[in-house]
C-alpha cells in the first residue's frame, strides 16, 4: 500500500493560520486513515510558525515557483516577510515525502503552502486565482502527484493504477 502525504488540517488537526482545522469528511480518506497510509504534515507548523498566526499570501505578481527560486515573497497582511518559513516548510515536506516513499499528496487548496489549484491574490481581498502554494510546487518538482480535496476520486484512481 502506497503512503499518502496529507495536509494535517484535513484530518481535523487545528493547525490552520486561524487555529482551526478543515476536516475532510470523505469515506476514502477515512479508509486510508484506517489502513495507516496517511502521513500528515502542516508545513507551516513544521517550519516553526505558531498557531494561530497571521494570514499569509504569496505577494501580488509572484507565484510559488518564484518563491522557491528565490525571487518571490510570501507576506502577512501587515507586510511581514515570512518567505523563509514557508520555503523551509516546503523543504521539510519534500523530505518527509521522500522518507516515507510518498508519490501522492492530498493538500488543502487555497493555502500559500498547500494550494494546488488556487491561491489567494496576495492582496488579502478574498479573491482566488489559479496557482499553487510553495509546498505543492516543491512536491511536484520532486515527482509527487498533488491532489486537492475536490480531486479525491482522481487520487484514488491514481493509487489504483
N, C-alpha and C. Protein backbone atom coordinates (compact mmCIF):
# COMPACT_ATOMS: atom_id res chain seq x y z
N UNK A 1 0.83 -1.20 0.00
CA UNK A 1 0.00 0.00 0.00
C UNK A 1 0.87 1.25 0.00
N UNK A 2 0.55 2.12 -0.91
CA UNK A 2 1.32 3.36 -1.03
C UNK A 2 0.92 4.36 0.05
N UNK A 3 1.90 4.98 0.70
CA UNK A 3 1.57 6.04 1.67
C UNK A 3 1.14 7.31 0.94
N UNK A 4 0.33 8.10 1.62
CA UNK A 4 -0.19 9.34 1.05
C UNK A 4 0.12 10.48 2.00
N UNK A 5 0.82 11.47 1.52
CA UNK A 5 1.07 12.68 2.29
C UNK A 5 -0.23 13.48 2.33
N UNK A 6 -0.60 14.01 3.50
CA UNK A 6 -1.88 14.72 3.60
C UNK A 6 -1.74 15.94 4.52
N UNK A 7 -2.41 17.02 4.14
CA UNK A 7 -2.46 18.21 5.00
C UNK A 7 -3.11 17.84 6.31
N UNK A 8 -2.43 18.12 7.42
CA UNK A 8 -2.94 17.75 8.75
C UNK A 8 -4.30 18.36 9.05
N UNK A 9 -4.57 19.56 8.53
CA UNK A 9 -5.87 20.21 8.79
C UNK A 9 -7.02 19.40 8.21
N UNK A 10 -6.77 18.64 7.14
CA UNK A 10 -7.82 17.81 6.54
C UNK A 10 -8.19 16.63 7.43
N UNK A 11 -7.29 16.30 8.36
CA UNK A 11 -7.53 15.21 9.30
C UNK A 11 -8.12 15.71 10.62
N UNK A 12 -8.48 16.98 10.65
CA UNK A 12 -9.11 17.55 11.85
C UNK A 12 -8.15 18.18 12.84
N UNK A 13 -6.90 18.29 12.49
CA UNK A 13 -5.94 18.92 13.40
C UNK A 13 -6.05 20.45 13.28
N UNK A 14 -6.15 21.14 14.40
CA UNK A 14 -6.34 22.60 14.38
C UNK A 14 -5.02 23.35 14.16
N UNK A 15 -4.50 23.27 12.95
CA UNK A 15 -3.19 23.84 12.64
C UNK A 15 -3.23 24.98 11.63
N UNK A 16 -4.41 25.30 11.13
CA UNK A 16 -4.50 26.38 10.14
C UNK A 16 -4.13 27.72 10.77
N UNK A 17 -3.91 28.70 9.95
CA UNK A 17 -3.49 30.02 10.43
C UNK A 17 -4.44 30.57 11.48
N UNK A 18 -5.73 30.26 11.36
CA UNK A 18 -6.73 30.78 12.29
C UNK A 18 -6.95 29.86 13.50
N UNK A 19 -6.12 28.84 13.65
CA UNK A 19 -6.22 27.92 14.77
C UNK A 19 -7.30 26.87 14.61
N UNK A 20 -7.83 26.78 13.41
CA UNK A 20 -8.90 25.79 13.16
C UNK A 20 -8.39 24.65 12.30
N UNK A 21 -9.22 23.65 12.19
CA UNK A 21 -9.00 22.55 11.25
C UNK A 21 -9.94 22.77 10.07
N UNK A 22 -9.78 21.98 9.05
CA UNK A 22 -10.72 21.98 7.92
C UNK A 22 -10.92 20.52 7.52
N UNK A 23 -11.54 19.75 8.44
CA UNK A 23 -11.62 18.30 8.22
C UNK A 23 -12.38 17.94 6.94
N UNK A 24 -11.83 16.98 6.25
CA UNK A 24 -12.45 16.46 5.04
C UNK A 24 -13.21 15.20 5.41
N UNK A 25 -14.51 15.26 5.26
CA UNK A 25 -15.36 14.11 5.56
C UNK A 25 -15.53 13.32 4.26
N UNK A 26 -14.67 12.34 4.06
CA UNK A 26 -14.69 11.54 2.84
C UNK A 26 -14.41 10.09 3.20
N UNK A 27 -15.27 9.20 2.74
CA UNK A 27 -15.06 7.77 3.04
C UNK A 27 -13.67 7.27 2.61
N UNK A 28 -13.17 7.75 1.47
CA UNK A 28 -11.85 7.30 1.02
C UNK A 28 -10.77 7.72 2.02
N UNK A 29 -10.84 8.95 2.50
CA UNK A 29 -9.85 9.42 3.46
C UNK A 29 -9.93 8.61 4.75
N UNK A 30 -11.15 8.34 5.20
CA UNK A 30 -11.33 7.53 6.41
C UNK A 30 -10.75 6.12 6.21
N UNK A 31 -10.95 5.55 5.03
CA UNK A 31 -10.43 4.21 4.75
C UNK A 31 -8.89 4.23 4.75
N UNK A 32 -8.31 5.22 4.08
CA UNK A 32 -6.85 5.31 4.03
C UNK A 32 -6.26 5.53 5.42
N UNK A 33 -6.98 6.30 6.24
CA UNK A 33 -6.51 6.53 7.61
C UNK A 33 -6.56 5.22 8.40
N UNK A 34 -7.64 4.48 8.27
CA UNK A 34 -7.77 3.20 8.97
C UNK A 34 -6.70 2.20 8.52
N UNK A 35 -6.28 2.31 7.26
CA UNK A 35 -5.24 1.43 6.72
C UNK A 35 -3.83 1.88 7.14
N UNK A 36 -3.74 3.03 7.79
CA UNK A 36 -2.44 3.54 8.23
C UNK A 36 -1.58 4.10 7.11
N UNK A 37 -2.21 4.54 6.04
CA UNK A 37 -1.48 5.01 4.86
C UNK A 37 -1.16 6.50 4.89
N UNK A 38 -1.78 7.26 5.79
CA UNK A 38 -1.66 8.71 5.74
C UNK A 38 -0.46 9.22 6.52
N UNK A 39 0.26 10.13 5.91
CA UNK A 39 1.41 10.80 6.52
C UNK A 39 1.02 12.28 6.65
N UNK A 40 0.56 12.71 7.83
CA UNK A 40 0.10 14.09 7.99
C UNK A 40 1.24 15.08 8.16
N UNK A 41 1.02 16.29 7.64
CA UNK A 41 2.00 17.37 7.79
C UNK A 41 1.29 18.71 7.71
N UNK A 42 1.70 19.62 8.55
CA UNK A 42 1.38 21.04 8.35
C UNK A 42 2.73 21.71 8.14
N UNK A 43 3.06 22.06 6.91
CA UNK A 43 4.37 22.63 6.63
C UNK A 43 4.66 23.91 7.41
N UNK A 44 3.65 24.71 7.65
CA UNK A 44 3.85 25.97 8.36
C UNK A 44 4.21 25.72 9.82
N UNK A 45 3.53 24.78 10.45
CA UNK A 45 3.85 24.42 11.83
C UNK A 45 5.22 23.74 11.88
N UNK A 46 5.50 22.87 10.92
CA UNK A 46 6.80 22.20 10.88
C UNK A 46 7.94 23.21 10.79
N UNK A 47 7.68 24.34 10.13
CA UNK A 47 8.70 25.38 9.97
C UNK A 47 8.78 26.31 11.18
N UNK A 48 7.95 26.07 12.19
CA UNK A 48 8.03 26.85 13.41
C UNK A 48 7.05 28.00 13.53
N UNK A 49 6.15 28.14 12.57
CA UNK A 49 5.13 29.20 12.70
C UNK A 49 4.10 28.78 13.75
N UNK A 50 3.60 29.74 14.47
CA UNK A 50 2.66 29.48 15.55
C UNK A 50 1.25 29.26 15.03
N UNK A 51 0.43 28.68 15.88
CA UNK A 51 -0.99 28.52 15.60
C UNK A 51 -1.74 29.10 16.79
N UNK A 52 -2.63 30.09 16.57
CA UNK A 52 -2.85 30.77 15.29
C UNK A 52 -1.68 31.67 14.93
N UNK A 53 -1.71 32.13 13.67
CA UNK A 53 -0.67 33.01 13.14
C UNK A 53 -1.32 33.96 12.14
N UNK A 54 -0.66 35.04 11.81
CA UNK A 54 -1.25 35.96 10.83
C UNK A 54 -1.44 35.27 9.48
N UNK A 55 -2.54 35.60 8.82
CA UNK A 55 -2.77 35.08 7.48
C UNK A 55 -1.65 35.54 6.57
N UNK A 56 -1.25 34.68 5.65
CA UNK A 56 -0.17 34.99 4.71
C UNK A 56 -0.63 34.65 3.30
N UNK A 57 -0.10 35.39 2.34
CA UNK A 57 -0.39 35.14 0.93
C UNK A 57 0.87 35.38 0.11
N UNK A 58 0.95 34.68 -1.01
CA UNK A 58 2.03 34.94 -1.96
C UNK A 58 1.83 36.35 -2.50
N UNK A 59 2.90 37.13 -2.53
CA UNK A 59 2.83 38.54 -2.91
C UNK A 59 2.26 38.69 -4.33
N UNK A 60 1.51 39.76 -4.55
CA UNK A 60 0.95 40.01 -5.89
C UNK A 60 2.06 40.01 -6.95
N UNK A 61 1.79 39.34 -8.06
CA UNK A 61 2.75 39.26 -9.15
C UNK A 61 3.74 38.12 -9.01
N UNK A 62 3.82 37.52 -7.84
CA UNK A 62 4.71 36.37 -7.63
C UNK A 62 3.90 35.08 -7.71
N UNK A 63 4.59 33.99 -7.81
CA UNK A 63 3.95 32.68 -7.72
C UNK A 63 4.88 31.75 -6.95
N UNK A 64 4.41 30.53 -6.73
CA UNK A 64 5.18 29.59 -5.92
C UNK A 64 6.54 29.30 -6.53
N UNK A 65 6.61 29.20 -7.84
CA UNK A 65 7.89 28.94 -8.49
C UNK A 65 8.87 30.07 -8.20
N UNK A 66 8.42 31.31 -8.29
CA UNK A 66 9.29 32.45 -7.99
C UNK A 66 9.76 32.42 -6.54
N UNK A 67 8.86 32.06 -5.64
CA UNK A 67 9.23 31.99 -4.22
C UNK A 67 10.32 30.93 -4.03
N UNK A 68 10.11 29.75 -4.58
CA UNK A 68 11.10 28.67 -4.42
C UNK A 68 12.42 28.99 -5.10
N UNK A 69 12.35 29.76 -6.17
CA UNK A 69 13.56 30.11 -6.92
C UNK A 69 14.28 31.33 -6.34
N UNK A 70 13.73 31.88 -5.23
CA UNK A 70 14.41 32.94 -4.52
C UNK A 70 14.13 34.36 -4.96
N UNK A 71 13.14 34.55 -5.83
CA UNK A 71 12.82 35.92 -6.23
C UNK A 71 11.33 36.24 -6.11
N UNK A 72 10.66 35.57 -5.19
CA UNK A 72 9.27 35.86 -4.85
C UNK A 72 9.15 35.92 -3.35
N UNK A 73 7.99 36.38 -2.87
CA UNK A 73 7.82 36.54 -1.42
C UNK A 73 6.44 36.08 -0.97
N UNK A 74 6.37 35.72 0.30
CA UNK A 74 5.11 35.47 0.99
C UNK A 74 5.08 36.45 2.16
N UNK A 75 3.97 37.16 2.27
CA UNK A 75 3.87 38.21 3.29
C UNK A 75 2.56 38.08 4.07
N UNK A 76 2.60 38.59 5.29
CA UNK A 76 1.38 38.68 6.10
C UNK A 76 0.63 39.95 5.68
N UNK A 77 -0.57 40.09 6.19
CA UNK A 77 -1.39 41.27 5.87
C UNK A 77 -0.67 42.57 6.23
N UNK A 78 0.12 42.56 7.31
CA UNK A 78 0.81 43.78 7.72
C UNK A 78 2.18 43.94 7.04
N UNK A 79 2.48 43.06 6.07
CA UNK A 79 3.68 43.21 5.27
C UNK A 79 4.90 42.44 5.75
N UNK A 80 4.78 41.73 6.85
CA UNK A 80 5.93 40.95 7.34
C UNK A 80 6.29 39.86 6.33
N UNK A 81 7.56 39.73 6.06
CA UNK A 81 8.05 38.73 5.12
C UNK A 81 8.22 37.39 5.85
N UNK A 82 7.44 36.40 5.46
CA UNK A 82 7.51 35.07 6.08
C UNK A 82 7.97 34.02 5.07
N UNK A 83 8.59 34.49 4.01
CA UNK A 83 9.02 33.61 2.92
C UNK A 83 9.90 32.47 3.42
N UNK A 84 10.89 32.79 4.24
CA UNK A 84 11.85 31.77 4.69
C UNK A 84 11.16 30.62 5.40
N UNK A 85 10.18 30.92 6.23
CA UNK A 85 9.46 29.85 6.94
C UNK A 85 8.69 28.97 5.97
N UNK A 86 8.06 29.58 4.97
CA UNK A 86 7.29 28.81 4.01
C UNK A 86 8.20 27.92 3.14
N UNK A 87 9.33 28.46 2.75
CA UNK A 87 10.29 27.67 1.96
C UNK A 87 10.85 26.53 2.81
N UNK A 88 11.14 26.80 4.08
CA UNK A 88 11.60 25.75 4.99
C UNK A 88 10.53 24.67 5.14
N UNK A 89 9.28 25.07 5.32
CA UNK A 89 8.18 24.10 5.43
C UNK A 89 8.06 23.24 4.19
N UNK A 90 8.27 23.85 3.02
CA UNK A 90 8.21 23.10 1.76
C UNK A 90 9.35 22.07 1.71
N UNK A 91 10.54 22.48 2.11
CA UNK A 91 11.69 21.56 2.11
C UNK A 91 11.46 20.41 3.08
N UNK A 92 10.93 20.70 4.26
CA UNK A 92 10.65 19.65 5.23
C UNK A 92 9.58 18.68 4.71
N UNK A 93 8.60 19.21 3.99
CA UNK A 93 7.53 18.37 3.45
C UNK A 93 8.07 17.43 2.37
N UNK A 94 8.91 17.96 1.50
CA UNK A 94 9.52 17.11 0.47
C UNK A 94 10.38 16.03 1.13
N UNK A 95 11.13 16.40 2.14
CA UNK A 95 11.96 15.40 2.84
C UNK A 95 11.09 14.32 3.48
N UNK A 96 9.97 14.72 4.07
CA UNK A 96 9.06 13.75 4.68
C UNK A 96 8.48 12.81 3.62
N UNK A 97 8.08 13.37 2.50
CA UNK A 97 7.54 12.56 1.40
C UNK A 97 8.57 11.54 0.93
N UNK A 98 9.80 12.00 0.77
CA UNK A 98 10.86 11.09 0.33
C UNK A 98 11.13 10.01 1.37
N UNK A 99 11.17 10.41 2.64
CA UNK A 99 11.44 9.46 3.72
C UNK A 99 10.42 8.32 3.73
N UNK A 100 9.16 8.67 3.49
CA UNK A 100 8.09 7.66 3.54
C UNK A 100 7.76 7.06 2.18
N UNK A 101 8.42 7.52 1.13
CA UNK A 101 8.14 6.99 -0.21
C UNK A 101 6.80 7.43 -0.77
N UNK A 102 6.34 8.59 -0.37
CA UNK A 102 5.05 9.10 -0.86
C UNK A 102 5.19 9.56 -2.31
N UNK A 103 4.34 9.06 -3.16
CA UNK A 103 4.29 9.52 -4.55
C UNK A 103 3.04 10.33 -4.83
N UNK A 104 2.17 10.43 -3.80
CA UNK A 104 0.90 11.16 -3.93
C UNK A 104 0.67 11.99 -2.67
N UNK A 105 0.04 13.15 -2.87
CA UNK A 105 -0.28 14.02 -1.74
C UNK A 105 -1.68 14.58 -1.90
N UNK A 106 -2.38 14.71 -0.78
CA UNK A 106 -3.70 15.33 -0.72
C UNK A 106 -3.55 16.58 0.14
N UNK A 107 -3.62 17.75 -0.52
CA UNK A 107 -3.35 19.01 0.16
C UNK A 107 -4.53 19.95 0.10
N UNK A 108 -4.75 20.69 1.19
CA UNK A 108 -5.82 21.68 1.26
C UNK A 108 -5.59 22.73 0.17
N UNK A 109 -6.63 23.14 -0.50
CA UNK A 109 -6.48 24.13 -1.56
C UNK A 109 -6.59 25.54 -0.99
N UNK A 110 -5.99 26.50 -1.68
CA UNK A 110 -6.08 27.90 -1.31
C UNK A 110 -4.92 28.40 -0.48
N UNK A 111 -4.21 27.54 0.17
CA UNK A 111 -3.12 27.91 1.07
C UNK A 111 -1.89 28.34 0.29
N UNK A 112 -1.14 29.34 0.81
CA UNK A 112 0.12 29.69 0.15
C UNK A 112 1.17 28.58 0.28
N UNK A 113 0.91 27.61 1.13
CA UNK A 113 1.75 26.41 1.21
C UNK A 113 1.17 25.30 0.34
N UNK A 114 -0.02 24.88 0.65
CA UNK A 114 -0.58 23.64 0.12
C UNK A 114 -1.48 23.78 -1.10
N UNK A 115 -1.89 24.97 -1.45
CA UNK A 115 -2.80 25.13 -2.58
C UNK A 115 -2.27 24.45 -3.84
N UNK A 116 -3.13 23.70 -4.51
CA UNK A 116 -2.69 23.06 -5.75
C UNK A 116 -3.46 23.56 -6.97
N UNK A 117 -4.66 24.05 -6.76
CA UNK A 117 -5.46 24.56 -7.87
C UNK A 117 -5.62 26.06 -7.83
N UNK A 118 -5.70 26.59 -6.62
CA UNK A 118 -5.82 28.03 -6.49
C UNK A 118 -5.13 28.53 -5.22
N UNK A 119 -4.76 29.80 -5.26
CA UNK A 119 -4.23 30.52 -4.11
C UNK A 119 -4.96 31.86 -4.09
N UNK A 120 -4.71 32.65 -3.06
CA UNK A 120 -5.34 33.97 -2.99
C UNK A 120 -4.46 35.01 -3.64
N UNK A 121 -5.05 36.14 -3.97
CA UNK A 121 -4.43 37.16 -4.83
C UNK A 121 -3.18 37.81 -4.27
N UNK A 122 -2.96 37.72 -2.97
CA UNK A 122 -1.82 38.40 -2.36
C UNK A 122 -2.18 39.78 -1.85
N UNK A 123 -3.44 40.17 -2.07
CA UNK A 123 -3.91 41.48 -1.63
C UNK A 123 -4.84 41.39 -0.42
N UNK A 124 -5.03 40.19 0.10
CA UNK A 124 -5.90 39.95 1.26
C UNK A 124 -7.31 40.48 1.00
N UNK A 125 -7.78 40.27 -0.24
CA UNK A 125 -9.10 40.72 -0.64
C UNK A 125 -10.09 39.57 -0.82
N UNK A 126 -9.65 38.35 -0.50
CA UNK A 126 -10.50 37.17 -0.62
C UNK A 126 -10.64 36.64 -2.03
N UNK A 127 -9.98 37.25 -2.99
CA UNK A 127 -10.09 36.80 -4.38
C UNK A 127 -9.13 35.66 -4.65
N UNK A 128 -9.67 34.63 -5.28
CA UNK A 128 -8.87 33.47 -5.65
C UNK A 128 -8.31 33.65 -7.05
N UNK A 129 -7.16 33.00 -7.27
CA UNK A 129 -6.60 32.96 -8.61
C UNK A 129 -5.96 31.59 -8.82
N UNK A 130 -5.91 31.14 -10.06
CA UNK A 130 -5.27 29.85 -10.32
C UNK A 130 -3.81 29.90 -9.87
N UNK A 131 -3.34 28.83 -9.31
CA UNK A 131 -1.94 28.77 -8.89
C UNK A 131 -1.72 27.72 -7.83
N UNK A 132 -0.46 27.60 -7.44
CA UNK A 132 -0.06 26.63 -6.44
C UNK A 132 0.61 27.33 -5.27
N UNK A 133 0.57 26.66 -4.13
CA UNK A 133 1.37 27.07 -3.00
C UNK A 133 2.77 26.50 -3.12
N UNK A 134 3.67 26.96 -2.25
CA UNK A 134 5.07 26.55 -2.37
C UNK A 134 5.29 25.06 -2.07
N UNK A 135 4.51 24.50 -1.19
CA UNK A 135 4.65 23.07 -0.90
C UNK A 135 4.19 22.24 -2.09
N UNK A 136 3.04 22.60 -2.65
CA UNK A 136 2.55 21.87 -3.83
C UNK A 136 3.57 21.95 -4.96
N UNK A 137 4.10 23.14 -5.19
CA UNK A 137 5.11 23.32 -6.25
C UNK A 137 6.36 22.48 -5.96
N UNK A 138 6.84 22.51 -4.73
CA UNK A 138 8.04 21.75 -4.37
C UNK A 138 7.81 20.24 -4.51
N UNK A 139 6.63 19.77 -4.11
CA UNK A 139 6.33 18.34 -4.24
C UNK A 139 6.26 17.93 -5.70
N UNK A 140 5.61 18.74 -6.51
CA UNK A 140 5.52 18.42 -7.95
C UNK A 140 6.92 18.37 -8.55
N UNK A 141 7.76 19.34 -8.20
CA UNK A 141 9.15 19.32 -8.69
C UNK A 141 9.88 18.06 -8.25
N UNK A 142 9.49 17.50 -7.10
CA UNK A 142 10.12 16.29 -6.57
C UNK A 142 9.47 15.01 -7.11
N UNK A 143 8.49 15.15 -8.00
CA UNK A 143 7.87 13.98 -8.60
C UNK A 143 6.67 13.43 -7.86
N UNK A 144 6.14 14.19 -6.90
CA UNK A 144 4.95 13.76 -6.15
C UNK A 144 3.72 14.36 -6.82
N UNK A 145 2.73 13.53 -7.11
CA UNK A 145 1.47 14.00 -7.68
C UNK A 145 0.63 14.62 -6.57
N UNK A 146 0.14 15.83 -6.80
CA UNK A 146 -0.59 16.58 -5.79
C UNK A 146 -2.06 16.70 -6.18
N UNK A 147 -2.94 16.44 -5.21
CA UNK A 147 -4.38 16.49 -5.41
C UNK A 147 -5.02 17.38 -4.35
N UNK A 148 -6.06 18.10 -4.74
CA UNK A 148 -6.87 18.90 -3.83
C UNK A 148 -8.02 18.02 -3.31
N UNK A 149 -8.67 18.42 -2.21
CA UNK A 149 -9.78 17.62 -1.69
C UNK A 149 -10.87 17.32 -2.73
N UNK A 150 -11.13 18.26 -3.62
CA UNK A 150 -12.15 18.04 -4.65
C UNK A 150 -11.72 16.98 -5.66
N UNK A 151 -10.47 16.58 -5.62
CA UNK A 151 -9.92 15.60 -6.56
C UNK A 151 -9.65 14.24 -5.90
N UNK A 152 -10.31 13.97 -4.79
CA UNK A 152 -10.01 12.73 -4.06
C UNK A 152 -10.30 11.49 -4.88
N UNK A 153 -11.32 11.54 -5.75
CA UNK A 153 -11.61 10.39 -6.62
C UNK A 153 -10.47 10.18 -7.62
N UNK A 154 -9.91 11.27 -8.13
CA UNK A 154 -8.78 11.14 -9.05
C UNK A 154 -7.55 10.59 -8.32
N UNK A 155 -7.36 10.99 -7.06
CA UNK A 155 -6.28 10.44 -6.27
C UNK A 155 -6.47 8.94 -6.09
N UNK A 156 -7.67 8.52 -5.77
CA UNK A 156 -7.95 7.10 -5.61
C UNK A 156 -7.64 6.33 -6.89
N UNK A 157 -8.02 6.89 -8.04
CA UNK A 157 -7.74 6.25 -9.32
C UNK A 157 -6.23 6.17 -9.57
N UNK A 158 -5.51 7.23 -9.23
CA UNK A 158 -4.06 7.23 -9.41
C UNK A 158 -3.40 6.17 -8.53
N UNK A 159 -3.91 6.00 -7.34
CA UNK A 159 -3.35 5.00 -6.42
C UNK A 159 -3.59 3.58 -6.94
N UNK A 160 -4.69 3.39 -7.64
CA UNK A 160 -5.04 2.06 -8.17
C UNK A 160 -4.24 1.70 -9.41
N UNK A 161 -3.75 2.72 -10.12
CA UNK A 161 -3.06 2.43 -11.40
C UNK A 161 -1.61 2.10 -11.20
